[in-house]
C-alpha cells in the first residue's frame, strides 16, 4: 500500500504561476502585501496563460489572497475553481515595501532581500515556513496542483520542494505571468520546468 501511494505521488506535479505584470513589478519595486492591480499588459499576459494550461487537469487550484494573483487566476480560466490560501501571499517586505533595490543599496551597500534582515517585515525562515505548509496541504490532497501567487514566495516554495536553502531562491529568476513545474524524477523531487513563457 505504501509503495502504491509513493508511486501515485511520484506522478504528480505542482504548477507555479506568477501573477501578471503590475506597475510596481514593471519598475522593479518590492511589492509584498500592497494589494495593487494588474496593468493592462498584466491582464493580457494572464489571458495568454489560459490556452497553455487548459489541456491539463488539476485536482487543486490555489491562489494568493492578493488581487494581482486572484485576477491572474481568473483571467487564465481558473477563477471558479480557485481556493484562496493565505499562506500564498507574497513576502512581507516591511520597511522595504515599494522600494527599489538600488535605493536600499544607497543606505546598505550590497543589500539583497535574500541576504539581509527585513525591518518590520517577515524573515526568510518565516516565508519558508509558510511555503512548507502549502506543500504539506498539496501533498495531503489528490491530483496535480496549480498555484497562482508571487515571485519570491514561489521561488522559496520551489527551494523547499527540492531541499535547497530558501535563500537559494535568489538564483532563480521568475518573471511575471511565467510558469514553473515541480515534480518527480523517479522518486526524487525535481524542478521539471522553470520560468516558462506562455
N, C-alpha and C. Protein backbone atom coordinates (compact mmCIF):
# COMPACT_ATOMS: atom_id res chain seq x y z
N UNK A 1 0.83 -1.21 0.00
CA UNK A 1 0.00 0.00 0.00
C UNK A 1 0.86 1.26 0.00
N UNK A 2 1.91 1.29 0.83
CA UNK A 2 2.80 2.45 0.88
C UNK A 2 3.49 2.66 -0.45
N UNK A 3 3.86 1.56 -1.12
CA UNK A 3 4.52 1.65 -2.42
C UNK A 3 3.58 2.23 -3.47
N UNK A 4 2.30 1.84 -3.42
CA UNK A 4 1.31 2.37 -4.37
C UNK A 4 1.14 3.87 -4.15
N UNK A 5 1.05 4.29 -2.90
CA UNK A 5 0.89 5.72 -2.60
C UNK A 5 2.11 6.50 -3.08
N UNK A 6 3.30 5.98 -2.87
CA UNK A 6 4.52 6.65 -3.30
C UNK A 6 4.55 6.76 -4.83
N UNK A 7 4.16 5.70 -5.52
CA UNK A 7 4.14 5.72 -6.98
C UNK A 7 3.15 6.76 -7.49
N UNK A 8 1.99 6.86 -6.83
CA UNK A 8 0.98 7.83 -7.22
C UNK A 8 1.51 9.26 -7.04
N UNK A 9 2.17 9.50 -5.91
CA UNK A 9 2.73 10.82 -5.64
C UNK A 9 3.82 11.16 -6.65
N UNK A 10 4.61 10.16 -7.06
CA UNK A 10 5.72 10.41 -7.98
C UNK A 10 5.23 10.78 -9.38
N UNK A 11 3.94 10.62 -9.64
CA UNK A 11 3.37 11.02 -10.93
C UNK A 11 2.75 12.41 -10.86
N UNK A 12 2.68 12.99 -9.69
CA UNK A 12 2.02 14.28 -9.51
C UNK A 12 2.94 15.44 -9.84
N UNK A 13 2.33 16.57 -10.16
CA UNK A 13 3.08 17.78 -10.46
C UNK A 13 2.43 18.98 -9.76
N UNK A 14 3.25 19.96 -9.46
CA UNK A 14 2.78 21.22 -8.89
C UNK A 14 3.18 22.32 -9.86
N UNK A 15 2.19 23.00 -10.41
CA UNK A 15 2.44 24.09 -11.34
C UNK A 15 2.44 25.41 -10.56
N UNK A 16 3.45 26.21 -10.78
CA UNK A 16 3.57 27.52 -10.14
C UNK A 16 3.37 28.60 -11.19
N UNK A 17 2.44 29.52 -10.93
CA UNK A 17 2.17 30.60 -11.87
C UNK A 17 2.35 31.93 -11.14
N UNK A 18 3.30 32.72 -11.62
CA UNK A 18 3.45 34.06 -11.06
C UNK A 18 2.41 34.98 -11.72
N UNK A 19 1.86 35.88 -10.94
CA UNK A 19 0.86 36.82 -11.46
C UNK A 19 1.43 37.65 -12.60
N UNK A 20 0.53 38.24 -13.37
CA UNK A 20 0.92 39.12 -14.47
C UNK A 20 1.52 40.43 -13.97
N UNK A 21 1.96 41.23 -14.92
CA UNK A 21 2.64 42.48 -14.60
C UNK A 21 1.76 43.45 -13.81
N UNK A 22 2.39 44.10 -12.85
CA UNK A 22 1.79 45.25 -12.16
C UNK A 22 2.69 46.45 -12.43
N UNK A 23 2.22 47.62 -12.06
CA UNK A 23 3.05 48.82 -12.24
C UNK A 23 4.36 48.69 -11.45
N UNK A 24 4.28 48.11 -10.27
CA UNK A 24 5.49 48.00 -9.45
C UNK A 24 6.42 46.90 -9.93
N UNK A 25 5.88 45.78 -10.42
CA UNK A 25 6.78 44.74 -10.94
C UNK A 25 7.47 45.25 -12.21
N UNK A 26 6.78 46.07 -12.98
CA UNK A 26 7.37 46.63 -14.20
C UNK A 26 8.55 47.54 -13.88
N UNK A 27 8.45 48.28 -12.78
CA UNK A 27 9.51 49.23 -12.41
C UNK A 27 10.52 48.65 -11.44
N UNK A 28 10.26 47.45 -10.92
CA UNK A 28 11.22 46.80 -10.02
C UNK A 28 11.04 47.09 -8.55
N UNK A 29 9.90 47.69 -8.18
CA UNK A 29 9.66 47.98 -6.76
C UNK A 29 9.27 46.69 -6.03
N UNK A 30 9.73 46.56 -4.80
CA UNK A 30 9.34 45.42 -3.97
C UNK A 30 7.85 45.54 -3.65
N UNK A 31 7.11 44.51 -4.03
CA UNK A 31 5.66 44.51 -3.87
C UNK A 31 5.27 43.32 -3.03
N UNK A 32 5.11 43.54 -1.74
CA UNK A 32 4.73 42.46 -0.84
C UNK A 32 3.25 42.43 -0.59
N UNK A 33 2.82 43.05 0.50
CA UNK A 33 1.42 43.00 0.90
C UNK A 33 0.57 44.10 0.31
N UNK A 34 1.16 45.06 -0.39
CA UNK A 34 0.35 46.09 -1.07
C UNK A 34 -0.51 45.39 -2.11
N UNK A 35 -1.79 45.68 -2.09
CA UNK A 35 -2.74 44.95 -2.95
C UNK A 35 -3.02 45.75 -4.21
N UNK A 36 -2.08 45.74 -5.13
CA UNK A 36 -2.20 46.56 -6.34
C UNK A 36 -2.67 45.70 -7.51
N UNK A 37 -3.32 46.34 -8.50
CA UNK A 37 -3.90 45.58 -9.62
C UNK A 37 -2.88 45.27 -10.71
N UNK A 38 -3.28 44.41 -11.61
CA UNK A 38 -2.51 44.17 -12.82
C UNK A 38 -2.59 45.38 -13.74
N UNK A 39 -1.55 45.58 -14.54
CA UNK A 39 -1.62 46.57 -15.62
C UNK A 39 -2.43 45.95 -16.77
N UNK A 40 -2.69 46.76 -17.80
CA UNK A 40 -3.35 46.22 -19.00
C UNK A 40 -2.50 45.11 -19.61
N UNK A 41 -1.18 45.29 -19.63
CA UNK A 41 -0.30 44.24 -20.13
C UNK A 41 -0.36 43.01 -19.24
N UNK A 42 -0.46 43.23 -17.93
CA UNK A 42 -0.57 42.10 -17.00
C UNK A 42 -1.83 41.30 -17.23
N UNK A 43 -2.93 41.97 -17.54
CA UNK A 43 -4.18 41.26 -17.85
C UNK A 43 -4.04 40.47 -19.15
N UNK A 44 -3.39 41.07 -20.15
CA UNK A 44 -3.16 40.35 -21.41
C UNK A 44 -2.29 39.11 -21.18
N UNK A 45 -1.25 39.26 -20.36
CA UNK A 45 -0.38 38.12 -20.04
C UNK A 45 -1.17 37.01 -19.35
N UNK A 46 -2.05 37.40 -18.43
CA UNK A 46 -2.83 36.41 -17.69
C UNK A 46 -3.77 35.65 -18.62
N UNK A 47 -4.40 36.35 -19.55
CA UNK A 47 -5.28 35.68 -20.52
C UNK A 47 -4.48 34.70 -21.39
N UNK A 48 -3.25 35.07 -21.73
CA UNK A 48 -2.42 34.22 -22.58
C UNK A 48 -2.04 32.91 -21.89
N UNK A 49 -2.10 32.88 -20.57
CA UNK A 49 -1.80 31.64 -19.84
C UNK A 49 -2.87 30.57 -20.07
N UNK A 50 -4.11 31.01 -20.29
CA UNK A 50 -5.22 30.08 -20.40
C UNK A 50 -5.03 28.94 -21.38
N UNK A 51 -4.71 29.22 -22.64
CA UNK A 51 -4.56 28.12 -23.61
C UNK A 51 -3.46 27.13 -23.23
N UNK A 52 -2.39 27.63 -22.62
CA UNK A 52 -1.28 26.74 -22.22
C UNK A 52 -1.71 25.79 -21.11
N UNK A 53 -2.59 26.27 -20.26
CA UNK A 53 -2.97 25.48 -19.08
C UNK A 53 -4.26 24.69 -19.27
N UNK A 54 -5.06 25.04 -20.27
CA UNK A 54 -6.41 24.47 -20.42
C UNK A 54 -6.42 22.97 -20.63
N UNK A 55 -5.40 22.42 -21.25
CA UNK A 55 -5.38 20.99 -21.57
C UNK A 55 -5.03 20.12 -20.37
N UNK A 56 -4.61 20.75 -19.29
CA UNK A 56 -4.16 19.98 -18.13
C UNK A 56 -5.28 19.90 -17.08
N UNK A 57 -5.38 18.78 -16.42
CA UNK A 57 -6.38 18.60 -15.36
C UNK A 57 -5.71 18.80 -14.00
N UNK A 58 -6.30 19.67 -13.21
CA UNK A 58 -5.75 19.97 -11.88
C UNK A 58 -6.74 19.55 -10.80
N UNK A 59 -6.24 18.81 -9.82
CA UNK A 59 -7.06 18.41 -8.69
C UNK A 59 -7.24 19.53 -7.70
N UNK A 60 -6.27 20.47 -7.67
CA UNK A 60 -6.30 21.59 -6.73
C UNK A 60 -5.91 22.87 -7.47
N UNK A 61 -6.69 23.92 -7.24
CA UNK A 61 -6.38 25.25 -7.76
C UNK A 61 -6.34 26.18 -6.55
N UNK A 62 -5.16 26.72 -6.28
CA UNK A 62 -4.97 27.56 -5.09
C UNK A 62 -4.43 28.92 -5.51
N UNK A 63 -4.88 29.96 -4.82
CA UNK A 63 -4.42 31.30 -5.16
C UNK A 63 -4.13 32.11 -3.91
N UNK A 64 -3.21 33.03 -4.06
CA UNK A 64 -2.94 34.04 -3.03
C UNK A 64 -4.18 34.89 -2.84
N UNK A 65 -4.36 35.47 -1.66
CA UNK A 65 -5.50 36.38 -1.46
C UNK A 65 -5.33 37.74 -2.14
N UNK A 66 -4.13 38.08 -2.59
CA UNK A 66 -3.89 39.39 -3.17
C UNK A 66 -4.44 39.47 -4.60
N UNK A 67 -5.02 40.62 -4.94
CA UNK A 67 -5.79 40.72 -6.19
C UNK A 67 -4.98 40.46 -7.44
N UNK A 68 -3.69 40.76 -7.46
CA UNK A 68 -2.92 40.53 -8.68
C UNK A 68 -2.82 39.04 -9.01
N UNK A 69 -2.76 38.20 -7.98
CA UNK A 69 -2.73 36.75 -8.20
C UNK A 69 -4.14 36.22 -8.48
N UNK A 70 -5.13 36.69 -7.72
CA UNK A 70 -6.51 36.22 -7.94
C UNK A 70 -7.00 36.59 -9.34
N UNK A 71 -6.65 37.79 -9.81
CA UNK A 71 -7.07 38.23 -11.14
C UNK A 71 -6.36 37.42 -12.23
N UNK A 72 -5.10 37.11 -12.03
CA UNK A 72 -4.38 36.27 -12.98
C UNK A 72 -5.04 34.90 -13.07
N UNK A 73 -5.39 34.34 -11.92
CA UNK A 73 -6.08 33.06 -11.86
C UNK A 73 -7.39 33.11 -12.63
N UNK A 74 -8.15 34.16 -12.40
CA UNK A 74 -9.45 34.32 -13.06
C UNK A 74 -9.30 34.45 -14.57
N UNK A 75 -8.38 35.31 -15.02
CA UNK A 75 -8.22 35.54 -16.46
C UNK A 75 -7.62 34.34 -17.17
N UNK A 76 -6.89 33.50 -16.45
CA UNK A 76 -6.35 32.27 -17.02
C UNK A 76 -7.41 31.18 -17.11
N UNK A 77 -8.58 31.43 -16.52
CA UNK A 77 -9.69 30.49 -16.65
C UNK A 77 -9.93 29.58 -15.46
N UNK A 78 -9.34 29.92 -14.30
CA UNK A 78 -9.46 29.04 -13.14
C UNK A 78 -10.18 29.68 -11.95
N UNK A 79 -10.72 30.87 -12.15
CA UNK A 79 -11.32 31.60 -11.04
C UNK A 79 -12.43 30.87 -10.32
N UNK A 80 -13.28 30.17 -11.06
CA UNK A 80 -14.43 29.50 -10.44
C UNK A 80 -14.03 28.30 -9.59
N UNK A 81 -12.84 27.76 -9.80
CA UNK A 81 -12.38 26.58 -9.05
C UNK A 81 -11.39 26.92 -7.96
N UNK A 82 -10.93 28.16 -7.93
CA UNK A 82 -9.81 28.51 -7.05
C UNK A 82 -10.23 28.62 -5.59
N UNK A 83 -9.31 28.19 -4.74
CA UNK A 83 -9.46 28.36 -3.30
C UNK A 83 -8.36 29.30 -2.82
N UNK A 84 -8.75 30.35 -2.12
CA UNK A 84 -7.78 31.31 -1.60
C UNK A 84 -7.05 30.70 -0.41
N UNK A 85 -5.73 30.77 -0.47
CA UNK A 85 -4.88 30.23 0.60
C UNK A 85 -3.99 31.35 1.12
N UNK A 86 -4.25 31.86 2.33
CA UNK A 86 -3.49 32.99 2.86
C UNK A 86 -1.98 32.76 2.87
N UNK A 87 -1.53 31.52 3.05
CA UNK A 87 -0.09 31.25 3.06
C UNK A 87 0.57 31.52 1.72
N UNK A 88 -0.20 31.71 0.64
CA UNK A 88 0.38 32.01 -0.67
C UNK A 88 0.61 33.51 -0.89
N UNK A 89 0.31 34.34 0.11
CA UNK A 89 0.58 35.78 -0.02
C UNK A 89 2.08 36.01 -0.16
N UNK A 90 2.44 37.13 -0.79
CA UNK A 90 3.85 37.43 -1.01
C UNK A 90 4.56 37.77 0.30
N UNK A 91 5.86 37.71 0.27
CA UNK A 91 6.75 38.09 1.37
C UNK A 91 6.34 39.46 1.89
N UNK A 92 6.28 39.59 3.19
CA UNK A 92 6.04 40.90 3.82
C UNK A 92 7.38 41.62 3.88
N UNK A 93 7.56 42.65 3.04
CA UNK A 93 8.84 43.34 2.94
C UNK A 93 9.04 44.44 3.97
N UNK A 94 8.06 44.66 4.84
CA UNK A 94 8.22 45.64 5.90
C UNK A 94 8.62 47.00 5.37
N UNK A 95 9.71 47.54 5.90
CA UNK A 95 10.16 48.89 5.53
C UNK A 95 10.65 48.98 4.08
N UNK A 96 10.87 47.83 3.43
CA UNK A 96 11.36 47.84 2.06
C UNK A 96 10.24 47.77 1.02
N UNK A 97 9.00 47.73 1.50
CA UNK A 97 7.87 47.73 0.58
C UNK A 97 7.92 48.97 -0.32
N UNK A 98 7.71 48.77 -1.61
CA UNK A 98 7.65 49.82 -2.64
C UNK A 98 9.02 50.44 -2.92
N UNK A 99 10.09 49.86 -2.39
CA UNK A 99 11.42 50.42 -2.64
C UNK A 99 12.17 49.61 -3.68
N UNK A 100 13.06 50.26 -4.40
CA UNK A 100 13.93 49.60 -5.36
C UNK A 100 15.19 49.11 -4.66
N UNK A 101 15.75 48.02 -5.13
CA UNK A 101 17.00 47.51 -4.58
C UNK A 101 18.09 48.58 -4.63
N UNK A 102 18.16 49.31 -5.73
CA UNK A 102 19.19 50.35 -5.87
C UNK A 102 19.05 51.43 -4.81
N UNK A 103 17.81 51.76 -4.42
CA UNK A 103 17.60 52.76 -3.38
C UNK A 103 18.08 52.26 -2.02
N UNK A 104 17.74 51.00 -1.70
CA UNK A 104 18.16 50.44 -0.41
C UNK A 104 19.69 50.35 -0.36
N UNK A 105 20.32 50.05 -1.48
CA UNK A 105 21.78 49.90 -1.50
C UNK A 105 22.52 51.22 -1.29
N UNK A 106 21.85 52.34 -1.46
CA UNK A 106 22.47 53.62 -1.12
C UNK A 106 22.69 53.72 0.39
N UNK A 107 21.83 53.04 1.13
CA UNK A 107 21.95 53.02 2.60
C UNK A 107 22.74 51.81 3.10
N UNK A 108 22.56 50.67 2.41
CA UNK A 108 23.19 49.41 2.82
C UNK A 108 23.88 48.80 1.59
N UNK A 109 25.16 49.10 1.38
CA UNK A 109 25.85 48.56 0.20
C UNK A 109 25.78 47.03 0.17
N UNK A 110 25.53 46.49 -1.02
CA UNK A 110 25.47 45.04 -1.19
C UNK A 110 24.18 44.39 -0.73
N UNK A 111 23.19 45.20 -0.34
CA UNK A 111 21.94 44.66 0.19
C UNK A 111 21.20 43.84 -0.86
N UNK A 112 20.63 42.69 -0.42
CA UNK A 112 19.61 41.98 -1.19
C UNK A 112 18.55 41.49 -0.22
N UNK A 113 17.36 41.30 -0.73
CA UNK A 113 16.26 40.78 0.09
C UNK A 113 16.58 39.37 0.59
N UNK A 114 17.45 38.66 -0.15
CA UNK A 114 17.76 37.27 0.15
C UNK A 114 18.82 37.11 1.24
N UNK A 115 19.58 38.16 1.50
CA UNK A 115 20.73 38.01 2.41
C UNK A 115 20.71 38.92 3.62
N UNK A 116 19.79 39.86 3.69
CA UNK A 116 19.77 40.83 4.78
C UNK A 116 18.43 40.79 5.53
N UNK A 117 18.43 41.28 6.76
CA UNK A 117 17.16 41.34 7.52
C UNK A 117 16.15 42.26 6.85
N UNK A 118 14.89 42.06 7.20
CA UNK A 118 13.79 42.86 6.64
C UNK A 118 13.11 43.59 7.80
N UNK A 119 13.56 44.80 8.13
CA UNK A 119 12.98 45.52 9.27
C UNK A 119 11.47 45.68 9.14
N UNK A 120 10.76 45.28 10.18
CA UNK A 120 9.31 45.42 10.19
C UNK A 120 8.59 44.44 9.30
N UNK A 121 9.31 43.49 8.72
CA UNK A 121 8.69 42.54 7.80
C UNK A 121 8.87 41.11 8.25
N UNK A 122 8.88 40.23 7.28
CA UNK A 122 8.91 38.79 7.51
C UNK A 122 10.31 38.25 7.26
N UNK A 123 10.76 37.33 8.09
CA UNK A 123 12.06 36.71 7.86
C UNK A 123 11.97 35.70 6.72
N UNK A 124 13.11 35.40 6.14
CA UNK A 124 13.16 34.37 5.10
C UNK A 124 12.72 33.03 5.67
N UNK A 125 13.10 32.73 6.89
CA UNK A 125 12.67 31.48 7.53
C UNK A 125 11.16 31.45 7.73
N UNK A 126 10.57 32.59 8.06
CA UNK A 126 9.12 32.66 8.21
C UNK A 126 8.40 32.42 6.89
N UNK A 127 8.97 32.97 5.82
CA UNK A 127 8.40 32.75 4.49
C UNK A 127 8.50 31.26 4.11
N UNK A 128 9.64 30.66 4.41
CA UNK A 128 9.83 29.24 4.12
C UNK A 128 8.86 28.37 4.91
N UNK A 129 8.57 28.75 6.13
CA UNK A 129 7.61 28.00 6.95
C UNK A 129 6.24 28.00 6.28
N UNK A 130 5.83 29.16 5.77
CA UNK A 130 4.55 29.23 5.05
C UNK A 130 4.57 28.36 3.80
N UNK A 131 5.68 28.43 3.07
CA UNK A 131 5.81 27.63 1.84
C UNK A 131 5.70 26.14 2.16
N UNK A 132 6.31 25.70 3.23
CA UNK A 132 6.24 24.27 3.60
C UNK A 132 4.83 23.87 3.99
N UNK A 133 4.09 24.78 4.61
CA UNK A 133 2.69 24.48 4.94
C UNK A 133 1.87 24.29 3.67
N UNK A 134 2.13 25.13 2.66
CA UNK A 134 1.43 24.99 1.38
C UNK A 134 1.75 23.63 0.77
N UNK A 135 3.01 23.25 0.76
CA UNK A 135 3.40 21.96 0.19
C UNK A 135 2.75 20.80 0.93
N UNK A 136 2.68 20.89 2.24
CA UNK A 136 2.05 19.82 3.04
C UNK A 136 0.57 19.71 2.70
N UNK A 137 -0.08 20.84 2.50
CA UNK A 137 -1.51 20.82 2.16
C UNK A 137 -1.72 20.20 0.78
N UNK A 138 -0.86 20.52 -0.16
CA UNK A 138 -0.96 19.95 -1.51
C UNK A 138 -0.77 18.44 -1.46
N UNK A 139 0.22 18.00 -0.73
CA UNK A 139 0.53 16.57 -0.68
C UNK A 139 -0.54 15.76 0.03
N UNK A 140 -1.32 16.40 0.88
CA UNK A 140 -2.38 15.70 1.60
C UNK A 140 -3.62 15.47 0.72
N UNK A 141 -3.68 16.15 -0.43
CA UNK A 141 -4.83 16.03 -1.32
C UNK A 141 -4.45 15.22 -2.55
N UNK A 142 -5.39 15.10 -3.47
CA UNK A 142 -5.19 14.28 -4.67
C UNK A 142 -4.93 15.14 -5.90
N UNK A 143 -4.23 14.59 -6.86
CA UNK A 143 -4.06 15.20 -8.17
C UNK A 143 -3.01 16.28 -8.23
N UNK A 144 -2.77 16.75 -9.45
CA UNK A 144 -1.84 17.85 -9.66
C UNK A 144 -2.42 19.12 -9.08
N UNK A 145 -1.54 20.05 -8.74
CA UNK A 145 -1.97 21.32 -8.17
C UNK A 145 -1.44 22.46 -9.03
N UNK A 146 -2.19 23.55 -9.06
CA UNK A 146 -1.72 24.77 -9.70
C UNK A 146 -1.87 25.91 -8.70
N UNK A 147 -0.79 26.69 -8.54
CA UNK A 147 -0.75 27.78 -7.57
C UNK A 147 -0.57 29.09 -8.30
N UNK A 148 -1.40 30.06 -8.02
CA UNK A 148 -1.26 31.41 -8.55
C UNK A 148 -0.79 32.30 -7.41
N UNK A 149 0.43 32.79 -7.53
CA UNK A 149 0.99 33.55 -6.41
C UNK A 149 2.05 34.53 -6.90
N UNK A 150 3.16 34.63 -6.18
CA UNK A 150 4.10 35.74 -6.32
C UNK A 150 5.54 35.25 -6.48
N UNK A 151 6.35 36.09 -7.11
CA UNK A 151 7.70 35.72 -7.48
C UNK A 151 8.56 35.19 -6.35
N UNK A 152 8.69 35.92 -5.27
CA UNK A 152 9.58 35.49 -4.20
C UNK A 152 9.00 34.31 -3.42
N UNK A 153 7.72 34.36 -3.11
CA UNK A 153 7.10 33.23 -2.40
C UNK A 153 7.26 31.94 -3.20
N UNK A 154 7.02 31.99 -4.49
CA UNK A 154 7.10 30.78 -5.31
C UNK A 154 8.53 30.28 -5.46
N UNK A 155 9.49 31.19 -5.49
CA UNK A 155 10.89 30.78 -5.55
C UNK A 155 11.29 30.05 -4.28
N UNK A 156 10.86 30.55 -3.14
CA UNK A 156 11.16 29.89 -1.87
C UNK A 156 10.45 28.54 -1.79
N UNK A 157 9.21 28.49 -2.25
CA UNK A 157 8.47 27.23 -2.24
C UNK A 157 9.19 26.18 -3.07
N UNK A 158 9.70 26.58 -4.22
CA UNK A 158 10.44 25.63 -5.07
C UNK A 158 11.70 25.13 -4.37
N UNK A 159 12.39 26.01 -3.66
CA UNK A 159 13.59 25.58 -2.93
C UNK A 159 13.22 24.58 -1.84
N UNK A 160 12.13 24.84 -1.15
CA UNK A 160 11.67 23.90 -0.12
C UNK A 160 11.33 22.55 -0.75
N UNK A 161 10.76 22.55 -1.94
CA UNK A 161 10.39 21.32 -2.62
C UNK A 161 11.61 20.45 -2.91
N UNK A 162 12.69 21.08 -3.41
CA UNK A 162 13.87 20.30 -3.80
C UNK A 162 14.93 20.20 -2.71
N UNK A 163 14.66 20.77 -1.55
CA UNK A 163 15.55 20.60 -0.42
C UNK A 163 16.75 21.53 -0.38
N UNK A 164 16.69 22.66 -1.11
CA UNK A 164 17.74 23.66 -1.02
C UNK A 164 17.39 24.70 0.03
N UNK A 165 18.38 25.45 0.47
CA UNK A 165 18.13 26.54 1.43
C UNK A 165 17.20 27.56 0.79
N UNK A 166 16.28 28.13 1.56
CA UNK A 166 15.34 29.10 0.99
C UNK A 166 16.02 30.25 0.25
N UNK A 167 17.18 30.69 0.75
CA UNK A 167 17.89 31.79 0.11
C UNK A 167 18.39 31.47 -1.28
N UNK A 168 18.48 30.19 -1.64
CA UNK A 168 18.89 29.81 -2.99
C UNK A 168 17.86 30.27 -4.02
N UNK A 169 16.66 30.61 -3.58
CA UNK A 169 15.65 31.14 -4.48
C UNK A 169 16.11 32.40 -5.21
N UNK A 170 17.06 33.11 -4.61
CA UNK A 170 17.60 34.30 -5.25
C UNK A 170 18.33 34.01 -6.55
N UNK A 171 18.64 32.76 -6.81
CA UNK A 171 19.35 32.37 -8.02
C UNK A 171 18.42 31.96 -9.15
N UNK A 172 17.10 31.99 -8.89
CA UNK A 172 16.10 31.51 -9.86
C UNK A 172 15.19 32.67 -10.27
N UNK A 173 15.50 33.34 -11.35
CA UNK A 173 14.64 34.43 -11.84
C UNK A 173 13.27 33.86 -12.22
N UNK A 174 12.22 34.64 -11.96
CA UNK A 174 10.85 34.18 -12.24
C UNK A 174 10.02 35.38 -12.64
N UNK A 175 9.80 35.55 -13.94
CA UNK A 175 9.13 36.74 -14.45
C UNK A 175 7.62 36.73 -14.30
N UNK A 176 7.00 37.89 -14.49
CA UNK A 176 5.53 37.98 -14.43
C UNK A 176 4.86 37.07 -15.46
N UNK A 177 3.79 36.42 -15.03
CA UNK A 177 2.99 35.52 -15.88
C UNK A 177 3.83 34.39 -16.46
N UNK A 178 4.84 33.98 -15.73
CA UNK A 178 5.66 32.84 -16.13
C UNK A 178 5.23 31.63 -15.31
N UNK A 179 5.55 30.45 -15.85
CA UNK A 179 5.16 29.20 -15.21
C UNK A 179 6.39 28.38 -14.83
N UNK A 180 6.23 27.56 -13.80
CA UNK A 180 7.23 26.57 -13.43
C UNK A 180 6.48 25.30 -13.04
N UNK A 181 7.15 24.18 -13.15
CA UNK A 181 6.54 22.91 -12.77
C UNK A 181 7.48 22.15 -11.86
N UNK A 182 6.97 21.76 -10.71
CA UNK A 182 7.70 20.91 -9.77
C UNK A 182 7.15 19.50 -9.90
N UNK A 183 8.02 18.52 -9.80
CA UNK A 183 7.55 17.15 -9.92
C UNK A 183 8.56 16.17 -9.39
N UNK A 184 8.58 15.01 -9.99
CA UNK A 184 9.47 13.93 -9.57
C UNK A 184 10.21 13.36 -10.76
N UNK A 185 11.43 12.94 -10.52
CA UNK A 185 12.15 12.09 -11.45
C UNK A 185 12.42 10.81 -10.69
N UNK A 186 11.77 9.75 -11.11
CA UNK A 186 11.67 8.52 -10.32
C UNK A 186 10.99 8.91 -9.02
N UNK A 187 11.70 8.87 -7.89
CA UNK A 187 11.07 9.28 -6.62
C UNK A 187 11.73 10.52 -6.03
N UNK A 188 12.57 11.17 -6.83
CA UNK A 188 13.30 12.34 -6.35
C UNK A 188 12.59 13.61 -6.78
N UNK A 189 12.43 14.55 -5.85
CA UNK A 189 11.78 15.82 -6.17
C UNK A 189 12.68 16.66 -7.07
N UNK A 190 12.09 17.22 -8.13
CA UNK A 190 12.86 18.00 -9.09
C UNK A 190 12.07 19.22 -9.54
N UNK A 191 12.77 20.14 -10.17
CA UNK A 191 12.16 21.24 -10.93
C UNK A 191 12.13 20.78 -12.37
N UNK A 192 10.96 20.51 -12.90
CA UNK A 192 10.82 19.99 -14.27
C UNK A 192 10.90 21.10 -15.32
N UNK A 193 10.34 22.26 -14.99
CA UNK A 193 10.38 23.42 -15.89
C UNK A 193 10.49 24.67 -15.02
N UNK A 194 11.10 25.73 -15.59
CA UNK A 194 11.24 26.95 -14.81
C UNK A 194 11.16 28.19 -15.70
N UNK A 195 10.41 29.17 -15.26
CA UNK A 195 10.34 30.50 -15.88
C UNK A 195 9.95 30.41 -17.35
N UNK A 196 8.93 29.59 -17.62
CA UNK A 196 8.48 29.33 -18.98
C UNK A 196 7.42 30.36 -19.37
N UNK A 197 7.59 30.97 -20.53
CA UNK A 197 6.59 31.92 -21.04
C UNK A 197 5.43 31.16 -21.66
N UNK A 198 4.22 31.71 -21.58
CA UNK A 198 3.07 31.03 -22.21
C UNK A 198 3.18 31.04 -23.72
